[in-house]
C-alpha cells in the first residue's frame, strides 16, 4: 500500500470516528433545540437535525435519497482523484481525505436515520448573518476544501519529498542548492 492510501485510510477512519463519537455525545447529552453555552460562552451547543445539505438546502421529500446518491457520487469521484494524485502532493491528499471523512460521516447519518444529519455546534451570530448549526463532519469538509484550494494555489510548497529519492541541500552564502540524487518515480 502506498503512502497516500495509508494517509487516506487513517484520516478517514479517525475523522469518521471523531464525528460519530461527537454526534453520539450530542444525542446523549443535549436536548433538541436547547442551546447550552460552554467554555465561557465561546462554544454554543444546540442539538438539531438537518434533512437537507449545507446551510439547510432542502429539496423537499426527495432530499434524503438525492443527498445519499449525491454523497456516493462525490465519494467515487474523490477516490478517482485520489488515485490520480501523486503521493508527494500532501495538501491535496489531506484535502481529499478530509472531505471524504466528512462526506462519510454525514452519509452515515442520512442512511441510518430519517431525522437527517445530527448537528450540534452553533448557531453563531457573525454580526451580518446567523451561522447555522453544524457538526464535526462539516468541519472536515471545510478544512479539506481549504487544503485542496491551497494545493491548487501553491502545489510545490505543499508537496512532500518523493519516497524514492533523496534530496541533498547545502547552504552557502545565503543560497540553497537542492539536487536530486536519485530519479523520482511517481507512485499512485
N, C-alpha and C. Protein backbone atom coordinates (compact mmCIF):
# COMPACT_ATOMS: atom_id res chain seq x y z
N UNK A 1 0.86 -1.17 0.00
CA UNK A 1 0.00 0.00 0.00
C UNK A 1 0.91 1.24 0.00
N UNK A 2 0.57 2.20 -0.83
CA UNK A 2 1.37 3.41 -0.90
C UNK A 2 1.02 4.35 0.24
N UNK A 3 1.89 5.35 0.42
CA UNK A 3 1.69 6.33 1.49
C UNK A 3 0.36 7.05 1.37
N UNK A 4 -0.05 7.37 0.15
CA UNK A 4 -1.28 8.16 0.01
C UNK A 4 -2.51 7.36 0.46
N UNK A 5 -2.55 6.07 0.17
CA UNK A 5 -3.70 5.26 0.60
C UNK A 5 -3.67 5.05 2.11
N UNK A 6 -2.49 4.97 2.69
CA UNK A 6 -2.36 4.86 4.14
C UNK A 6 -2.84 6.15 4.80
N UNK A 7 -2.38 7.29 4.28
CA UNK A 7 -2.84 8.58 4.79
C UNK A 7 -4.36 8.70 4.68
N UNK A 8 -4.89 8.36 3.52
CA UNK A 8 -6.33 8.42 3.28
C UNK A 8 -7.08 7.56 4.31
N UNK A 9 -6.64 6.33 4.48
CA UNK A 9 -7.30 5.41 5.40
C UNK A 9 -7.29 5.92 6.83
N UNK A 10 -6.13 6.40 7.28
CA UNK A 10 -6.02 6.89 8.66
C UNK A 10 -6.91 8.12 8.86
N UNK A 11 -6.84 9.08 7.94
CA UNK A 11 -7.64 10.31 8.09
C UNK A 11 -9.13 10.00 8.06
N UNK A 12 -9.56 9.14 7.16
CA UNK A 12 -10.99 8.82 7.06
C UNK A 12 -11.46 8.07 8.31
N UNK A 13 -10.71 7.08 8.75
CA UNK A 13 -11.13 6.31 9.93
C UNK A 13 -11.17 7.20 11.18
N UNK A 14 -10.11 7.98 11.40
CA UNK A 14 -10.08 8.86 12.57
C UNK A 14 -11.15 9.94 12.45
N UNK A 15 -11.28 10.55 11.27
CA UNK A 15 -12.26 11.61 11.05
C UNK A 15 -13.69 11.14 11.26
N UNK A 16 -14.03 9.99 10.67
CA UNK A 16 -15.39 9.44 10.83
C UNK A 16 -15.60 9.03 12.28
N UNK A 17 -14.58 8.46 12.90
CA UNK A 17 -14.70 8.05 14.30
C UNK A 17 -14.98 9.23 15.22
N UNK A 18 -14.23 10.32 15.05
CA UNK A 18 -14.45 11.51 15.87
C UNK A 18 -15.82 12.12 15.61
N UNK A 19 -16.23 12.15 14.35
CA UNK A 19 -17.55 12.68 14.02
C UNK A 19 -18.64 11.84 14.68
N UNK A 20 -18.53 10.53 14.56
CA UNK A 20 -19.53 9.62 15.14
C UNK A 20 -19.58 9.78 16.66
N UNK A 21 -18.41 9.81 17.29
CA UNK A 21 -18.35 9.93 18.74
C UNK A 21 -18.98 11.24 19.22
N UNK A 22 -18.66 12.37 18.55
CA UNK A 22 -19.23 13.65 18.97
C UNK A 22 -20.74 13.70 18.76
N UNK A 23 -21.21 13.10 17.67
CA UNK A 23 -22.66 13.06 17.44
C UNK A 23 -23.36 12.21 18.49
N UNK A 24 -22.76 11.08 18.87
CA UNK A 24 -23.35 10.24 19.91
C UNK A 24 -23.37 10.98 21.25
N UNK A 25 -22.29 11.72 21.52
CA UNK A 25 -22.24 12.52 22.74
C UNK A 25 -23.37 13.56 22.72
N UNK A 26 -23.53 14.25 21.60
CA UNK A 26 -24.57 15.28 21.49
C UNK A 26 -25.96 14.68 21.67
N UNK A 27 -26.19 13.52 21.05
CA UNK A 27 -27.51 12.87 21.16
C UNK A 27 -27.80 12.45 22.60
N UNK A 28 -26.78 12.04 23.33
CA UNK A 28 -26.97 11.59 24.70
C UNK A 28 -26.96 12.70 25.74
N UNK A 29 -26.45 13.87 25.38
CA UNK A 29 -26.26 14.94 26.35
C UNK A 29 -27.18 16.14 26.14
N UNK A 30 -27.41 16.52 24.90
CA UNK A 30 -28.15 17.74 24.59
C UNK A 30 -29.63 17.45 24.36
N UNK A 31 -30.45 18.47 24.60
CA UNK A 31 -31.88 18.37 24.31
C UNK A 31 -32.16 19.10 23.01
N UNK A 32 -33.02 18.54 22.22
CA UNK A 32 -33.37 19.09 20.92
C UNK A 32 -33.80 20.55 21.03
N UNK A 33 -33.10 21.43 20.31
CA UNK A 33 -33.45 22.84 20.24
C UNK A 33 -32.96 23.70 21.39
N UNK A 34 -32.45 23.11 22.46
CA UNK A 34 -31.97 23.87 23.61
C UNK A 34 -30.48 24.20 23.42
N UNK A 35 -30.12 25.47 23.63
CA UNK A 35 -28.72 25.89 23.47
C UNK A 35 -28.02 25.89 24.82
N UNK A 36 -26.86 25.25 24.84
CA UNK A 36 -26.01 25.19 26.02
C UNK A 36 -24.72 25.92 25.69
N UNK A 37 -24.25 26.75 26.62
CA UNK A 37 -23.00 27.50 26.42
C UNK A 37 -21.90 26.85 27.24
N UNK A 38 -20.73 26.70 26.62
CA UNK A 38 -19.58 26.12 27.29
C UNK A 38 -18.36 26.96 26.99
N UNK A 39 -17.29 26.74 27.72
CA UNK A 39 -16.03 27.47 27.55
C UNK A 39 -16.26 28.98 27.63
N UNK A 40 -16.95 29.39 28.66
CA UNK A 40 -17.19 30.81 28.87
C UNK A 40 -18.07 31.45 27.81
N UNK A 41 -18.93 30.68 27.20
CA UNK A 41 -19.82 31.19 26.17
C UNK A 41 -19.26 31.13 24.76
N UNK A 42 -18.00 30.72 24.61
CA UNK A 42 -17.39 30.65 23.28
C UNK A 42 -17.92 29.48 22.46
N UNK A 43 -18.34 28.43 23.14
CA UNK A 43 -18.85 27.25 22.45
C UNK A 43 -20.35 27.14 22.69
N UNK A 44 -21.12 27.21 21.61
CA UNK A 44 -22.57 27.08 21.69
C UNK A 44 -22.94 25.70 21.15
N UNK A 45 -23.73 24.98 21.91
CA UNK A 45 -24.16 23.64 21.54
C UNK A 45 -25.67 23.59 21.47
N UNK A 46 -26.19 23.25 20.29
CA UNK A 46 -27.63 23.17 20.08
C UNK A 46 -27.93 21.95 19.22
N UNK A 47 -28.59 20.96 19.77
CA UNK A 47 -28.91 19.75 19.01
C UNK A 47 -30.01 20.04 17.99
N UNK A 48 -29.74 19.66 16.75
CA UNK A 48 -30.76 19.77 15.70
C UNK A 48 -30.48 18.71 14.65
N UNK A 49 -31.43 18.55 13.75
CA UNK A 49 -31.30 17.58 12.67
C UNK A 49 -31.53 18.29 11.35
N UNK A 50 -30.70 17.99 10.38
CA UNK A 50 -30.78 18.63 9.07
C UNK A 50 -31.07 17.56 8.01
N UNK A 51 -32.24 17.63 7.42
CA UNK A 51 -32.60 16.68 6.36
C UNK A 51 -32.07 17.13 5.01
N UNK A 52 -31.60 18.35 4.95
CA UNK A 52 -31.08 18.89 3.70
C UNK A 52 -29.57 18.79 3.64
N UNK A 53 -28.96 19.81 3.06
CA UNK A 53 -27.50 19.84 2.93
C UNK A 53 -26.99 21.12 3.59
N UNK A 54 -25.84 21.57 3.17
CA UNK A 54 -25.21 22.75 3.76
C UNK A 54 -26.17 23.94 3.76
N UNK A 55 -26.13 24.67 4.87
CA UNK A 55 -26.96 25.87 5.05
C UNK A 55 -28.46 25.57 4.91
N UNK A 56 -28.86 24.32 5.23
CA UNK A 56 -30.27 23.96 5.22
C UNK A 56 -30.87 23.78 3.84
N UNK A 57 -30.04 23.66 2.81
CA UNK A 57 -30.55 23.42 1.45
C UNK A 57 -31.42 22.17 1.47
N UNK A 58 -32.67 22.32 1.10
CA UNK A 58 -33.61 21.21 1.16
C UNK A 58 -34.32 21.08 -0.18
N UNK A 59 -34.42 19.86 -0.66
CA UNK A 59 -35.08 19.61 -1.95
C UNK A 59 -36.42 18.90 -1.76
N UNK A 60 -37.04 19.10 -0.63
CA UNK A 60 -38.35 18.52 -0.38
C UNK A 60 -38.26 17.07 0.06
N UNK A 61 -39.32 16.32 -0.25
CA UNK A 61 -39.43 14.94 0.20
C UNK A 61 -38.32 14.04 -0.33
N UNK A 62 -37.74 14.39 -1.46
CA UNK A 62 -36.70 13.56 -2.07
C UNK A 62 -35.30 13.90 -1.58
N UNK A 63 -35.18 14.86 -0.67
CA UNK A 63 -33.86 15.32 -0.22
C UNK A 63 -32.97 14.18 0.28
N UNK A 64 -33.51 13.34 1.16
CA UNK A 64 -32.70 12.27 1.75
C UNK A 64 -32.10 11.37 0.68
N UNK A 65 -32.93 10.88 -0.22
CA UNK A 65 -32.46 9.97 -1.26
C UNK A 65 -31.48 10.68 -2.20
N UNK A 66 -31.80 11.89 -2.60
CA UNK A 66 -30.91 12.62 -3.51
C UNK A 66 -29.55 12.90 -2.88
N UNK A 67 -29.53 13.28 -1.60
CA UNK A 67 -28.26 13.57 -0.95
C UNK A 67 -27.46 12.30 -0.67
N UNK A 68 -28.13 11.18 -0.46
CA UNK A 68 -27.43 9.90 -0.31
C UNK A 68 -26.75 9.54 -1.63
N UNK A 69 -27.49 9.61 -2.72
CA UNK A 69 -26.92 9.30 -4.04
C UNK A 69 -25.79 10.28 -4.38
N UNK A 70 -26.02 11.56 -4.13
CA UNK A 70 -25.00 12.57 -4.39
C UNK A 70 -23.72 12.29 -3.59
N UNK A 71 -23.88 11.87 -2.33
CA UNK A 71 -22.72 11.56 -1.50
C UNK A 71 -21.90 10.41 -2.08
N UNK A 72 -22.58 9.37 -2.56
CA UNK A 72 -21.87 8.25 -3.17
C UNK A 72 -21.14 8.67 -4.45
N UNK A 73 -21.78 9.52 -5.23
CA UNK A 73 -21.14 10.02 -6.46
C UNK A 73 -19.89 10.84 -6.12
N UNK A 74 -20.01 11.73 -5.16
CA UNK A 74 -18.87 12.55 -4.75
C UNK A 74 -17.74 11.68 -4.19
N UNK A 75 -18.08 10.69 -3.36
CA UNK A 75 -17.05 9.81 -2.82
C UNK A 75 -16.36 9.01 -3.91
N UNK A 76 -17.10 8.53 -4.90
CA UNK A 76 -16.48 7.81 -6.02
C UNK A 76 -15.53 8.73 -6.79
N UNK A 77 -15.97 9.96 -7.03
CA UNK A 77 -15.12 10.93 -7.73
C UNK A 77 -13.87 11.22 -6.93
N UNK A 78 -13.99 11.39 -5.61
CA UNK A 78 -12.83 11.66 -4.75
C UNK A 78 -11.83 10.50 -4.78
N UNK A 79 -12.33 9.27 -4.85
CA UNK A 79 -11.42 8.12 -4.94
C UNK A 79 -10.66 8.11 -6.26
N UNK A 80 -11.32 8.51 -7.34
CA UNK A 80 -10.64 8.61 -8.64
C UNK A 80 -9.56 9.69 -8.58
N UNK A 81 -9.90 10.84 -8.02
CA UNK A 81 -8.94 11.93 -7.90
C UNK A 81 -7.78 11.50 -7.00
N UNK A 82 -8.07 10.82 -5.91
CA UNK A 82 -7.03 10.32 -5.02
C UNK A 82 -6.08 9.38 -5.77
N UNK A 83 -6.65 8.49 -6.53
CA UNK A 83 -5.84 7.53 -7.30
C UNK A 83 -4.90 8.26 -8.27
N UNK A 84 -5.35 9.36 -8.85
CA UNK A 84 -4.56 10.10 -9.83
C UNK A 84 -3.58 11.09 -9.20
N UNK A 85 -3.68 11.30 -7.89
CA UNK A 85 -2.84 12.28 -7.22
C UNK A 85 -1.50 11.66 -6.84
N UNK A 86 -0.40 12.35 -7.14
CA UNK A 86 0.92 11.84 -6.75
C UNK A 86 1.05 11.75 -5.23
N UNK A 87 1.80 10.79 -4.76
CA UNK A 87 1.98 10.58 -3.31
C UNK A 87 2.62 11.76 -2.61
N UNK A 88 3.36 12.57 -3.31
CA UNK A 88 4.05 13.69 -2.66
C UNK A 88 3.17 14.94 -2.54
N UNK A 89 1.98 14.95 -3.11
CA UNK A 89 1.08 16.11 -3.06
C UNK A 89 0.29 16.07 -1.75
N UNK A 90 0.97 16.37 -0.64
CA UNK A 90 0.40 16.19 0.69
C UNK A 90 -0.88 16.99 0.92
N UNK A 91 -0.90 18.27 0.60
CA UNK A 91 -2.08 19.10 0.86
C UNK A 91 -3.29 18.59 0.08
N UNK A 92 -3.07 18.17 -1.15
CA UNK A 92 -4.18 17.65 -1.96
C UNK A 92 -4.68 16.32 -1.37
N UNK A 93 -3.76 15.46 -0.97
CA UNK A 93 -4.15 14.17 -0.38
C UNK A 93 -4.89 14.37 0.93
N UNK A 94 -4.40 15.29 1.76
CA UNK A 94 -5.06 15.58 3.02
C UNK A 94 -6.46 16.16 2.77
N UNK A 95 -6.56 17.07 1.79
CA UNK A 95 -7.85 17.65 1.46
C UNK A 95 -8.86 16.62 1.00
N UNK A 96 -8.44 15.74 0.10
CA UNK A 96 -9.32 14.67 -0.39
C UNK A 96 -9.75 13.78 0.77
N UNK A 97 -8.82 13.46 1.64
CA UNK A 97 -9.11 12.58 2.77
C UNK A 97 -10.09 13.23 3.75
N UNK A 98 -9.89 14.50 4.06
CA UNK A 98 -10.79 15.20 4.99
C UNK A 98 -12.19 15.37 4.41
N UNK A 99 -12.28 15.76 3.15
CA UNK A 99 -13.61 15.88 2.51
C UNK A 99 -14.31 14.52 2.51
N UNK A 100 -13.56 13.46 2.23
CA UNK A 100 -14.14 12.11 2.24
C UNK A 100 -14.63 11.74 3.64
N UNK A 101 -13.83 12.04 4.67
CA UNK A 101 -14.24 11.74 6.04
C UNK A 101 -15.53 12.47 6.39
N UNK A 102 -15.62 13.74 6.01
CA UNK A 102 -16.84 14.50 6.28
C UNK A 102 -18.05 13.95 5.53
N UNK A 103 -17.82 13.61 4.27
CA UNK A 103 -18.92 13.06 3.46
C UNK A 103 -19.42 11.73 4.03
N UNK A 104 -18.50 10.87 4.45
CA UNK A 104 -18.89 9.58 5.03
C UNK A 104 -19.60 9.79 6.36
N UNK A 105 -19.10 10.70 7.19
CA UNK A 105 -19.74 10.96 8.48
C UNK A 105 -21.19 11.39 8.33
N UNK A 106 -21.45 12.31 7.42
CA UNK A 106 -22.83 12.76 7.21
C UNK A 106 -23.66 11.73 6.46
N UNK A 107 -23.01 10.95 5.58
CA UNK A 107 -23.72 9.89 4.86
C UNK A 107 -24.24 8.84 5.84
N UNK A 108 -23.44 8.50 6.83
CA UNK A 108 -23.88 7.53 7.85
C UNK A 108 -25.17 8.00 8.50
N UNK A 109 -25.24 9.29 8.86
CA UNK A 109 -26.47 9.83 9.46
C UNK A 109 -27.65 9.74 8.50
N UNK A 110 -27.43 10.10 7.26
CA UNK A 110 -28.54 10.10 6.28
C UNK A 110 -29.09 8.69 6.06
N UNK A 111 -28.20 7.70 6.01
CA UNK A 111 -28.62 6.32 5.79
C UNK A 111 -29.28 5.75 7.04
N UNK A 112 -28.71 6.05 8.21
CA UNK A 112 -29.17 5.45 9.46
C UNK A 112 -30.47 6.03 10.00
N UNK A 113 -30.78 7.27 9.67
CA UNK A 113 -31.94 7.90 10.30
C UNK A 113 -32.68 8.82 9.34
N UNK A 114 -33.98 8.74 9.38
CA UNK A 114 -34.80 9.64 8.56
C UNK A 114 -34.85 11.05 9.16
N UNK A 115 -34.34 11.21 10.39
CA UNK A 115 -34.30 12.54 11.01
C UNK A 115 -33.35 13.46 10.27
N UNK A 116 -32.32 12.89 9.64
CA UNK A 116 -31.32 13.68 8.93
C UNK A 116 -29.99 13.66 9.65
N UNK A 117 -29.13 14.57 9.28
CA UNK A 117 -27.79 14.67 9.84
C UNK A 117 -27.87 15.34 11.21
N UNK A 118 -27.16 14.76 12.18
CA UNK A 118 -27.11 15.33 13.52
C UNK A 118 -26.15 16.50 13.54
N UNK A 119 -26.66 17.68 13.89
CA UNK A 119 -25.85 18.90 14.03
C UNK A 119 -25.94 19.36 15.48
N UNK A 120 -24.88 19.99 15.98
CA UNK A 120 -24.91 20.41 17.38
C UNK A 120 -23.99 21.59 17.70
N UNK A 121 -23.19 22.07 16.77
CA UNK A 121 -22.29 23.20 17.03
C UNK A 121 -22.93 24.48 16.50
N UNK A 122 -23.18 25.43 17.39
CA UNK A 122 -23.75 26.70 16.96
C UNK A 122 -25.18 26.84 17.42
N UNK A 123 -25.92 27.79 16.87
CA UNK A 123 -25.58 28.73 15.80
C UNK A 123 -24.74 29.89 16.35
N UNK A 124 -24.01 30.52 15.45
CA UNK A 124 -23.16 31.65 15.81
C UNK A 124 -23.60 32.90 15.07
N UNK A 125 -23.77 33.98 15.83
CA UNK A 125 -24.12 35.27 15.25
C UNK A 125 -22.84 35.97 14.82
N UNK A 126 -22.65 36.12 13.51
CA UNK A 126 -21.45 36.74 12.97
C UNK A 126 -21.62 38.24 12.77
N UNK A 127 -22.73 38.77 13.19
CA UNK A 127 -22.98 40.20 13.04
C UNK A 127 -23.74 40.51 11.76
N UNK A 128 -23.35 39.89 10.67
CA UNK A 128 -24.02 40.11 9.39
C UNK A 128 -24.89 38.92 9.00
N UNK A 129 -24.75 37.80 9.71
CA UNK A 129 -25.59 36.62 9.45
C UNK A 129 -25.51 35.68 10.64
N UNK A 130 -26.50 34.82 10.74
CA UNK A 130 -26.51 33.79 11.77
C UNK A 130 -25.96 32.51 11.13
N UNK A 131 -24.74 32.10 11.58
CA UNK A 131 -24.13 30.90 11.02
C UNK A 131 -24.89 29.69 11.51
N UNK A 132 -25.35 28.81 10.61
CA UNK A 132 -26.20 27.69 11.00
C UNK A 132 -25.47 26.66 11.86
N UNK A 133 -26.26 25.81 12.50
CA UNK A 133 -25.72 24.74 13.34
C UNK A 133 -25.05 23.71 12.44
N UNK A 134 -23.90 23.19 12.87
CA UNK A 134 -23.13 22.26 12.05
C UNK A 134 -22.56 21.16 12.94
N UNK A 135 -21.70 20.31 12.38
CA UNK A 135 -21.12 19.20 13.13
C UNK A 135 -19.64 19.03 12.75
N UNK A 136 -18.99 18.04 13.33
CA UNK A 136 -17.57 17.80 13.09
C UNK A 136 -17.32 17.39 11.63
N UNK A 137 -18.22 16.59 11.05
CA UNK A 137 -18.06 16.20 9.64
C UNK A 137 -18.04 17.43 8.73
N UNK A 138 -18.87 18.41 9.04
CA UNK A 138 -18.88 19.65 8.26
C UNK A 138 -17.53 20.37 8.38
N UNK A 139 -16.94 20.32 9.58
CA UNK A 139 -15.61 20.92 9.78
C UNK A 139 -14.58 20.23 8.90
N UNK A 140 -14.64 18.89 8.82
CA UNK A 140 -13.69 18.16 7.96
C UNK A 140 -13.82 18.61 6.52
N UNK A 141 -15.05 18.77 6.06
CA UNK A 141 -15.27 19.19 4.67
C UNK A 141 -14.67 20.57 4.43
N UNK A 142 -14.91 21.51 5.33
CA UNK A 142 -14.41 22.88 5.15
C UNK A 142 -12.88 22.90 5.17
N UNK A 143 -12.27 22.23 6.14
CA UNK A 143 -10.80 22.20 6.21
C UNK A 143 -10.23 21.46 4.99
N UNK A 144 -10.90 20.40 4.57
CA UNK A 144 -10.46 19.66 3.39
C UNK A 144 -10.50 20.51 2.13
N UNK A 145 -11.55 21.28 1.96
CA UNK A 145 -11.64 22.16 0.79
C UNK A 145 -10.56 23.23 0.86
N UNK A 146 -10.28 23.74 2.05
CA UNK A 146 -9.19 24.72 2.20
C UNK A 146 -7.85 24.10 1.79
N UNK A 147 -7.60 22.86 2.18
CA UNK A 147 -6.37 22.17 1.77
C UNK A 147 -6.31 21.99 0.26
N UNK A 148 -7.44 21.65 -0.35
CA UNK A 148 -7.48 21.49 -1.81
C UNK A 148 -7.20 22.81 -2.51
N UNK A 149 -7.78 23.88 -2.01
CA UNK A 149 -7.52 25.20 -2.60
C UNK A 149 -6.05 25.60 -2.42
N UNK A 150 -5.50 25.32 -1.25
CA UNK A 150 -4.09 25.59 -1.01
C UNK A 150 -3.21 24.80 -1.96
N UNK A 151 -3.56 23.55 -2.19
CA UNK A 151 -2.75 22.71 -3.08
C UNK A 151 -2.83 23.20 -4.53
N UNK A 152 -3.95 23.78 -4.90
CA UNK A 152 -4.08 24.31 -6.27
C UNK A 152 -3.28 25.59 -6.42
N UNK A 153 -3.21 26.37 -5.36
CA UNK A 153 -2.54 27.67 -5.40
C UNK A 153 -1.04 27.55 -5.23
N UNK A 154 -0.62 26.65 -4.34
CA UNK A 154 0.79 26.53 -4.00
C UNK A 154 1.22 25.07 -4.07
N UNK A 155 1.02 24.42 -5.19
CA UNK A 155 1.31 22.99 -5.32
C UNK A 155 2.69 22.58 -4.89
N UNK A 156 3.72 23.29 -5.32
CA UNK A 156 5.08 22.87 -5.00
C UNK A 156 5.42 23.08 -3.53
N UNK A 157 4.81 24.07 -2.88
CA UNK A 157 5.10 24.35 -1.48
C UNK A 157 4.52 23.25 -0.59
N UNK A 158 3.41 22.68 -0.98
CA UNK A 158 2.72 21.73 -0.14
C UNK A 158 3.03 20.28 -0.49
N UNK A 159 4.08 20.04 -1.26
CA UNK A 159 4.41 18.67 -1.64
C UNK A 159 5.43 18.08 -0.69
N UNK A 160 5.28 16.80 -0.42
CA UNK A 160 6.25 16.05 0.37
C UNK A 160 7.34 15.57 -0.58
N UNK A 161 8.55 15.35 -0.07
CA UNK A 161 9.59 14.78 -0.94
C UNK A 161 9.17 13.38 -1.38
N UNK A 162 9.52 13.03 -2.61
CA UNK A 162 9.19 11.71 -3.11
C UNK A 162 9.91 10.66 -2.28
N UNK A 163 9.25 9.54 -2.02
CA UNK A 163 9.78 8.49 -1.17
C UNK A 163 11.02 7.85 -1.80
N UNK A 164 11.06 7.73 -3.09
CA UNK A 164 12.12 7.01 -3.76
C UNK A 164 13.40 7.81 -3.95
N UNK A 165 13.36 9.11 -3.75
CA UNK A 165 14.55 9.91 -3.99
C UNK A 165 15.06 10.50 -2.70
N UNK A 166 16.34 10.80 -2.68
CA UNK A 166 16.90 11.52 -1.54
C UNK A 166 17.32 12.88 -2.05
N UNK A 167 17.19 13.86 -1.22
CA UNK A 167 17.48 15.22 -1.63
C UNK A 167 18.65 15.73 -0.79
N UNK A 168 19.60 16.35 -1.47
CA UNK A 168 20.76 16.92 -0.79
C UNK A 168 20.67 18.44 -0.89
N UNK A 169 20.70 19.12 0.24
CA UNK A 169 20.65 20.58 0.23
C UNK A 169 21.86 21.12 0.98
N UNK A 170 22.45 22.15 0.43
CA UNK A 170 23.56 22.79 1.12
C UNK A 170 23.37 24.29 1.05
N UNK A 171 23.71 24.98 2.13
CA UNK A 171 23.56 26.42 2.18
C UNK A 171 24.94 27.06 2.14
N UNK A 172 25.15 27.91 1.17
CA UNK A 172 26.41 28.64 1.08
C UNK A 172 26.10 30.08 0.74
N UNK A 173 26.66 30.98 1.51
CA UNK A 173 26.50 32.42 1.28
C UNK A 173 25.04 32.82 1.11
N UNK A 174 24.15 32.22 1.91
CA UNK A 174 22.74 32.61 1.88
C UNK A 174 21.94 32.00 0.75
N UNK A 175 22.51 31.13 -0.05
CA UNK A 175 21.76 30.49 -1.12
C UNK A 175 21.63 29.01 -0.81
N UNK A 176 20.60 28.41 -1.29
CA UNK A 176 20.37 26.99 -1.07
C UNK A 176 20.37 26.30 -2.42
N UNK A 177 21.14 25.22 -2.51
CA UNK A 177 21.19 24.43 -3.73
C UNK A 177 20.55 23.08 -3.43
N UNK A 178 19.54 22.71 -4.17
CA UNK A 178 18.86 21.44 -3.97
C UNK A 178 19.12 20.58 -5.18
N UNK A 179 19.57 19.36 -4.92
CA UNK A 179 19.92 18.46 -6.01
C UNK A 179 19.29 17.11 -5.74
N UNK A 180 18.60 16.58 -6.69
CA UNK A 180 18.01 15.26 -6.57
C UNK A 180 19.08 14.23 -6.90
N UNK A 181 19.31 13.30 -5.98
CA UNK A 181 20.36 12.31 -6.16
C UNK A 181 19.86 11.12 -6.96
N UNK A 182 18.63 10.71 -6.74
CA UNK A 182 18.06 9.55 -7.45
C UNK A 182 16.90 10.05 -8.30
N UNK A 183 16.63 9.38 -9.41
CA UNK A 183 15.48 9.79 -10.23
C UNK A 183 14.19 9.57 -9.48
N UNK A 184 13.27 10.52 -9.65
CA UNK A 184 11.97 10.40 -9.00
C UNK A 184 11.07 9.49 -9.80
N UNK A 185 10.38 8.63 -9.06
CA UNK A 185 9.33 7.82 -9.67
C UNK A 185 8.03 8.19 -8.98
N UNK A 186 7.02 8.33 -9.74
CA UNK A 186 5.73 8.71 -9.16
C UNK A 186 4.96 7.45 -8.84
N UNK A 187 4.55 7.32 -7.57
CA UNK A 187 3.75 6.16 -7.19
C UNK A 187 2.30 6.61 -7.03
N UNK A 188 1.43 5.81 -7.49
CA UNK A 188 0.00 6.14 -7.39
C UNK A 188 -0.72 5.12 -6.58
